[in-house]
């Protein structure tokens, strides 16, 4: 598994933390659930996911 480090503002962190608590999940589990489509995707998360996929494709094309 790869490690991903995100810089997010305090308001977004608080919203993710509250959602995780409400869903009885860890913060990591809540983020995964959202990235996997278990929640209506925000434009921010869609852009982040697209960027992560593009980076992965570039690494694979470079042979890393």
C-alpha atoms as a PDB file:
ATOM      1  CA  UNK A   1       0.000   0.000   0.000  1.00  0.00           C
ATOM      2  CA  UNK A   2       1.206   3.511  -0.804  1.00  0.00           C
ATOM      3  CA  UNK A   3       1.258   6.313   1.699  1.00  0.00           C
ATOM      4  CA  UNK A   4      -0.459   9.557   0.691  1.00  0.00           C
ATOM      5  CA  UNK A   5       0.040  12.786   2.597  1.00  0.00           C
ATOM      6  CA  UNK A   6      -2.530  15.529   2.059  1.00  0.00           C
ATOM      7  CA  UNK A   7      -2.377  19.167   3.055  1.00  0.00           C
ATOM      8  CA  UNK A   8      -5.937  20.258   3.788  1.00  0.00           C
ATOM      9  CA  UNK A   9      -7.356  23.325   5.436  1.00  0.00           C
ATOM     10  CA  UNK A  10      -8.734  23.192   8.949  1.00  0.00           C
ATOM     11  CA  UNK A  11     -12.369  23.504   7.837  1.00  0.00           C
ATOM     12  CA  UNK A  12     -12.154  20.521   5.475  1.00  0.00           C
ATOM     13  CA  UNK A  13     -10.347  18.481   8.145  1.00  0.00           C
ATOM     14  CA  UNK A  14     -13.073  19.288  10.658  1.00  0.00           C
ATOM     15  CA  UNK A  15     -15.817  18.287   8.189  1.00  0.00           C
ATOM     16  CA  UNK A  16     -14.052  14.992   7.430  1.00  0.00           C
ATOM     17  CA  UNK A  17     -13.545  14.301  11.136  1.00  0.00           C
ATOM     18  CA  UNK A  18     -17.212  14.999  11.940  1.00  0.00           C
ATOM     19  CA  UNK A  19     -18.341  12.743   9.082  1.00  0.00           C
ATOM     20  CA  UNK A  20     -15.998   9.987  10.246  1.00  0.00           C
ATOM     21  CA  UNK A  21     -17.374  10.222  13.787  1.00  0.00           C
ATOM     22  CA  UNK A  22     -20.971  10.224  12.516  1.00  0.00           C
ATOM     23  CA  UNK A  23     -20.281   7.130  10.410  1.00  0.00           C
ATOM     24  CA  UNK A  24     -18.347   5.397  13.222  1.00  0.00           C
ATOM     25  CA  UNK A  25     -15.202   5.302  11.078  1.00  0.00           C
ATOM     26  CA  UNK A  26     -11.624   6.415  11.448  1.00  0.00           C
ATOM     27  CA  UNK A  27     -10.561   9.479   9.507  1.00  0.00           C
ATOM     28  CA  UNK A  28      -8.652   7.212   7.102  1.00  0.00           C
ATOM     29  CA  UNK A  29     -11.692   4.991   6.572  1.00  0.00           C
ATOM     30  CA  UNK A  30     -13.888   8.032   5.880  1.00  0.00           C
ATOM     31  CA  UNK A  31     -11.439   9.330   3.282  1.00  0.00           C
ATOM     32  CA  UNK A  32     -11.271   5.921   1.610  1.00  0.00           C
ATOM     33  CA  UNK A  33     -15.043   5.621   1.616  1.00  0.00           C
ATOM     34  CA  UNK A  34     -15.329   8.968  -0.137  1.00  0.00           C
ATOM     35  CA  UNK A  35     -12.611   8.173  -2.653  1.00  0.00           C
ATOM     36  CA  UNK A  36     -14.248   4.825  -3.443  1.00  0.00           C
ATOM     37  CA  UNK A  37     -17.546   6.544  -4.181  1.00  0.00           C
ATOM     38  CA  UNK A  38     -19.455   5.717  -1.018  1.00  0.00           C
ATOM     39  CA  UNK A  39     -20.408   9.364  -0.765  1.00  0.00           C
ATOM     40  CA  UNK A  40     -21.480  11.958  -3.284  1.00  0.00           C
ATOM     41  CA  UNK A  41     -18.128  13.050  -4.618  1.00  0.00           C
ATOM     42  CA  UNK A  42     -17.128  16.643  -4.182  1.00  0.00           C
ATOM     43  CA  UNK A  43     -15.407  18.430  -7.040  1.00  0.00           C
ATOM     44  CA  UNK A  44     -12.340  18.770  -4.796  1.00  0.00           C
ATOM     45  CA  UNK A  45     -12.109  15.019  -4.195  1.00  0.00           C
ATOM     46  CA  UNK A  46     -12.740  14.273  -7.873  1.00  0.00           C
ATOM     47  CA  UNK A  47      -9.892  16.606  -8.873  1.00  0.00           C
ATOM     48  CA  UNK A  48      -7.609  15.090  -6.244  1.00  0.00           C
ATOM     49  CA  UNK A  49      -8.383  11.570  -7.415  1.00  0.00           C
ATOM     50  CA  UNK A  50      -7.772  12.541 -11.066  1.00  0.00           C
ATOM     51  CA  UNK A  51      -4.426  14.065 -10.109  1.00  0.00           C
ATOM     52  CA  UNK A  52      -3.388  10.968  -8.152  1.00  0.00           C
ATOM     53  CA  UNK A  53      -4.328   8.726 -11.083  1.00  0.00           C
ATOM     54  CA  UNK A  54      -2.413  10.905 -13.556  1.00  0.00           C
ATOM     55  CA  UNK A  55       0.670  10.826 -11.315  1.00  0.00           C
ATOM     56  CA  UNK A  56       0.405   7.050 -11.072  1.00  0.00           C
ATOM     57  CA  UNK A  57       0.138   6.692 -14.852  1.00  0.00           C
ATOM     58  CA  UNK A  58       3.208   8.885 -15.342  1.00  0.00           C
ATOM     59  CA  UNK A  59       5.216   6.807 -12.862  1.00  0.00           C
ATOM     60  CA  UNK A  60       4.184   3.595 -14.586  1.00  0.00           C
ATOM     61  CA  UNK A  61       5.038   4.999 -18.019  1.00  0.00           C
ATOM     62  CA  UNK A  62       8.464   6.027 -16.718  1.00  0.00           C
ATOM     63  CA  UNK A  63       9.018   2.483 -15.458  1.00  0.00           C
ATOM     64  CA  UNK A  64       9.208   3.294 -11.736  1.00  0.00           C
END
